[in-house]
C-alpha cells in the first residue's frame, strides 16, 4: 500500500476517533471506522511460519527454552 493511502486511511481513522470523543452526534459510522482501524492493527501481518522463523523454538520445547536449558542435557 502506498504512503498516500496510509495517510488518507490514518486521517479517516483519526477523524472517527475525534468525532467519537467530542461530537455529541457521533454514532455508528464513526464507531465502525474506529473499530475497524483498531481491528486491523491486531492482524499478525508480520508473522512467518515457525519453520522459517530464525530462532524459533520447536514444539514442546518452550519450557526448556524459558529455563535456558541447551540440547536436552537436563540442566
N, C-alpha and C. Protein backbone atom coordinates (compact mmCIF):
# COMPACT_ATOMS: atom_id res chain seq x y z
N UNK A 1 0.85 -1.17 0.00
CA UNK A 1 0.00 0.00 0.00
C UNK A 1 0.90 1.23 0.00
N UNK A 2 0.54 2.18 -0.79
CA UNK A 2 1.34 3.39 -0.90
C UNK A 2 1.20 4.30 0.31
N UNK A 3 2.15 5.20 0.44
CA UNK A 3 2.15 6.07 1.61
C UNK A 3 0.98 7.05 1.59
N UNK A 4 0.50 7.41 0.41
CA UNK A 4 -0.65 8.32 0.33
C UNK A 4 -1.90 7.63 0.88
N UNK A 5 -2.08 6.38 0.51
CA UNK A 5 -3.23 5.63 1.02
C UNK A 5 -3.15 5.47 2.53
N UNK A 6 -1.97 5.24 3.06
CA UNK A 6 -1.81 5.12 4.52
C UNK A 6 -2.16 6.42 5.22
N UNK A 7 -1.71 7.53 4.65
CA UNK A 7 -2.01 8.83 5.25
C UNK A 7 -3.51 9.10 5.22
N UNK A 8 -4.15 8.80 4.10
CA UNK A 8 -5.59 9.03 3.97
C UNK A 8 -6.36 8.15 4.95
N UNK A 9 -6.01 6.87 5.01
CA UNK A 9 -6.71 5.97 5.94
C UNK A 9 -6.45 6.36 7.40
N UNK A 10 -5.25 6.80 7.70
CA UNK A 10 -4.96 7.27 9.05
C UNK A 10 -5.76 8.51 9.40
N UNK A 11 -5.90 9.42 8.43
CA UNK A 11 -6.69 10.64 8.67
C UNK A 11 -8.16 10.29 8.89
N UNK A 12 -8.68 9.35 8.13
CA UNK A 12 -10.08 8.94 8.31
C UNK A 12 -10.26 8.31 9.69
N UNK A 13 -9.30 7.49 10.12
CA UNK A 13 -9.40 6.88 11.45
C UNK A 13 -9.38 7.95 12.54
N UNK A 14 -8.47 8.90 12.43
CA UNK A 14 -8.40 9.97 13.43
C UNK A 14 -9.67 10.81 13.43
N UNK A 15 -10.23 11.06 12.24
CA UNK A 15 -11.49 11.79 12.16
C UNK A 15 -12.57 11.06 12.96
N UNK A 16 -12.68 9.77 12.78
CA UNK A 16 -13.67 8.97 13.51
C UNK A 16 -13.42 8.99 15.00
N UNK A 17 -12.15 8.87 15.40
CA UNK A 17 -11.82 8.84 16.83
C UNK A 17 -12.13 10.18 17.49
N UNK A 18 -11.77 11.27 16.83
CA UNK A 18 -12.04 12.60 17.40
C UNK A 18 -13.53 12.86 17.46
N UNK A 19 -14.26 12.49 16.41
CA UNK A 19 -15.72 12.69 16.43
C UNK A 19 -16.37 11.90 17.55
N UNK A 20 -15.91 10.67 17.79
CA UNK A 20 -16.47 9.89 18.89
C UNK A 20 -16.20 10.54 20.24
N UNK A 21 -15.03 11.16 20.36
CA UNK A 21 -14.65 11.74 21.63
C UNK A 21 -15.33 13.08 21.92
N UNK A 22 -15.55 13.91 20.90
CA UNK A 22 -16.01 15.27 21.18
C UNK A 22 -17.37 15.64 20.59
N UNK A 23 -17.85 14.93 19.61
CA UNK A 23 -19.11 15.32 18.98
C UNK A 23 -20.28 14.58 19.63
N UNK A 24 -21.29 15.32 20.06
CA UNK A 24 -22.43 14.65 20.68
C UNK A 24 -23.26 13.83 19.69
N UNK A 25 -23.17 14.13 18.40
CA UNK A 25 -23.95 13.40 17.40
C UNK A 25 -23.23 12.25 16.74
N UNK A 26 -22.03 11.92 17.20
CA UNK A 26 -21.26 10.84 16.58
C UNK A 26 -21.96 9.51 16.87
N UNK A 27 -21.83 8.62 15.92
CA UNK A 27 -22.55 7.37 16.11
C UNK A 27 -21.94 6.18 15.43
N UNK A 28 -22.77 5.49 14.67
CA UNK A 28 -22.42 4.19 14.11
C UNK A 28 -21.28 4.27 13.10
N UNK A 29 -21.32 5.24 12.22
CA UNK A 29 -20.29 5.34 11.18
C UNK A 29 -18.92 5.58 11.80
N UNK A 30 -18.84 6.54 12.70
CA UNK A 30 -17.56 6.83 13.34
C UNK A 30 -17.08 5.64 14.17
N UNK A 31 -17.98 5.00 14.87
CA UNK A 31 -17.62 3.82 15.66
C UNK A 31 -17.11 2.68 14.81
N UNK A 32 -17.74 2.49 13.65
CA UNK A 32 -17.30 1.43 12.74
C UNK A 32 -15.92 1.72 12.18
N UNK A 33 -15.67 2.99 11.84
CA UNK A 33 -14.36 3.37 11.31
C UNK A 33 -13.29 3.13 12.35
N UNK A 34 -13.54 3.57 13.59
CA UNK A 34 -12.54 3.42 14.65
C UNK A 34 -12.34 1.95 15.00
N UNK A 35 -13.41 1.20 15.15
CA UNK A 35 -13.29 -0.22 15.49
C UNK A 35 -12.61 -1.00 14.38
N UNK A 36 -12.92 -0.65 13.13
CA UNK A 36 -12.28 -1.34 12.00
C UNK A 36 -10.79 -1.08 11.94
N UNK A 37 -10.39 0.17 12.15
CA UNK A 37 -8.98 0.51 12.15
C UNK A 37 -8.24 -0.15 13.29
N UNK A 38 -8.87 -0.19 14.47
CA UNK A 38 -8.25 -0.84 15.62
C UNK A 38 -8.14 -2.34 15.36
N UNK A 39 -9.17 -2.93 14.78
CA UNK A 39 -9.14 -4.36 14.48
C UNK A 39 -8.05 -4.71 13.48
N UNK A 40 -7.84 -3.84 12.48
CA UNK A 40 -6.77 -4.09 11.51
C UNK A 40 -5.40 -4.05 12.17
N UNK A 41 -5.27 -3.25 13.22
CA UNK A 41 -3.97 -3.17 13.88
C UNK A 41 -3.64 -4.46 14.63
N UNK A 42 -4.63 -5.29 14.87
CA UNK A 42 -4.40 -6.55 15.57
C UNK A 42 -4.00 -7.70 14.65
N UNK A 43 -4.10 -7.48 13.34
CA UNK A 43 -3.74 -8.55 12.41
C UNK A 43 -2.25 -8.86 12.49
N UNK A 44 -1.91 -10.13 12.51
CA UNK A 44 -0.49 -10.51 12.56
C UNK A 44 0.15 -10.44 11.18
N UNK A 45 0.36 -9.25 10.67
CA UNK A 45 0.87 -9.11 9.31
C UNK A 45 2.35 -9.38 9.19
N UNK A 46 3.05 -9.48 10.29
CA UNK A 46 4.49 -9.71 10.24
C UNK A 46 4.86 -11.12 10.71
N UNK A 47 3.92 -12.04 10.66
CA UNK A 47 4.18 -13.41 11.10
C UNK A 47 4.78 -14.23 9.97
N UNK A 48 5.61 -15.19 10.35
CA UNK A 48 6.17 -16.14 9.40
C UNK A 48 5.92 -17.54 9.95
N UNK A 49 5.88 -18.55 9.09
CA UNK A 49 5.72 -19.91 9.58
C UNK A 49 6.86 -20.27 10.55
N UNK A 50 6.56 -21.10 11.52
CA UNK A 50 7.55 -21.48 12.53
C UNK A 50 8.82 -22.04 11.91
N UNK A 51 8.69 -22.82 10.86
CA UNK A 51 9.86 -23.42 10.22
C UNK A 51 10.78 -22.36 9.61
N UNK A 52 10.22 -21.23 9.20
CA UNK A 52 11.03 -20.20 8.57
C UNK A 52 11.51 -19.11 9.51
N UNK A 53 11.09 -19.17 10.77
CA UNK A 53 11.45 -18.12 11.73
C UNK A 53 12.84 -18.39 12.31
N UNK A 54 13.67 -17.38 12.31
CA UNK A 54 15.01 -17.51 12.88
C UNK A 54 14.88 -17.57 14.39
N UNK A 55 15.48 -18.57 15.00
CA UNK A 55 15.46 -18.71 16.45
C UNK A 55 14.17 -19.28 17.00
N UNK A 56 13.31 -19.86 16.15
CA UNK A 56 12.05 -20.43 16.61
C UNK A 56 12.32 -21.66 17.46
N UNK A 57 11.52 -21.81 18.48
CA UNK A 57 11.64 -22.95 19.39
C UNK A 57 10.74 -24.06 18.88
N UNK A 58 11.24 -25.29 18.86
CA UNK A 58 10.47 -26.43 18.39
C UNK A 58 9.26 -26.66 19.30
N UNK A 59 8.24 -27.30 18.75
CA UNK A 59 7.04 -27.60 19.51
C UNK A 59 7.41 -28.46 20.72
N UNK A 60 6.89 -28.09 21.88
CA UNK A 60 7.16 -28.84 23.09
C UNK A 60 8.44 -28.44 23.81
N UNK A 61 9.22 -27.51 23.25
CA UNK A 61 10.49 -27.12 23.86
C UNK A 61 10.42 -25.76 24.54
N UNK A 62 9.23 -25.18 24.67
CA UNK A 62 9.14 -23.83 25.23
C UNK A 62 9.61 -23.79 26.67
N UNK A 63 9.36 -24.83 27.43
CA UNK A 63 9.75 -24.83 28.84
C UNK A 63 11.28 -24.84 28.99
N UNK A 64 11.94 -25.69 28.19
CA UNK A 64 13.40 -25.72 28.23
C UNK A 64 13.99 -24.39 27.75
N UNK A 65 13.39 -23.81 26.73
CA UNK A 65 13.88 -22.53 26.23
C UNK A 65 13.70 -21.44 27.29
N UNK A 66 12.60 -21.47 28.01
CA UNK A 66 12.35 -20.48 29.06
C UNK A 66 13.39 -20.61 30.18
N UNK A 67 13.73 -21.83 30.51
CA UNK A 67 14.70 -22.07 31.58
C UNK A 67 16.15 -21.85 31.12
N UNK A 68 16.37 -21.90 29.83
CA UNK A 68 17.73 -21.74 29.30
C UNK A 68 18.48 -23.02 29.16
N UNK A 69 17.78 -24.16 29.18
CA UNK A 69 18.42 -25.47 29.03
C UNK A 69 18.84 -25.64 27.58
N UNK A 70 20.05 -26.14 27.35
CA UNK A 70 20.55 -26.35 25.99
C UNK A 70 20.70 -27.82 25.69
N UNK A 71 20.20 -28.22 24.53
CA UNK A 71 20.44 -29.57 24.00
C UNK A 71 19.89 -30.71 24.80
N UNK A 72 18.99 -30.48 25.73
CA UNK A 72 18.37 -31.56 26.47
C UNK A 72 19.30 -32.26 27.44
N UNK A 73 20.35 -31.58 27.96
CA UNK A 73 21.29 -32.21 28.88
C UNK A 73 20.75 -32.23 30.31
N UNK A 74 19.56 -31.71 30.52
CA UNK A 74 18.96 -31.80 31.82
C UNK A 74 19.34 -30.67 32.76
N UNK A 75 20.14 -29.76 32.32
CA UNK A 75 20.30 -28.59 33.06
C UNK A 75 21.45 -28.15 33.75
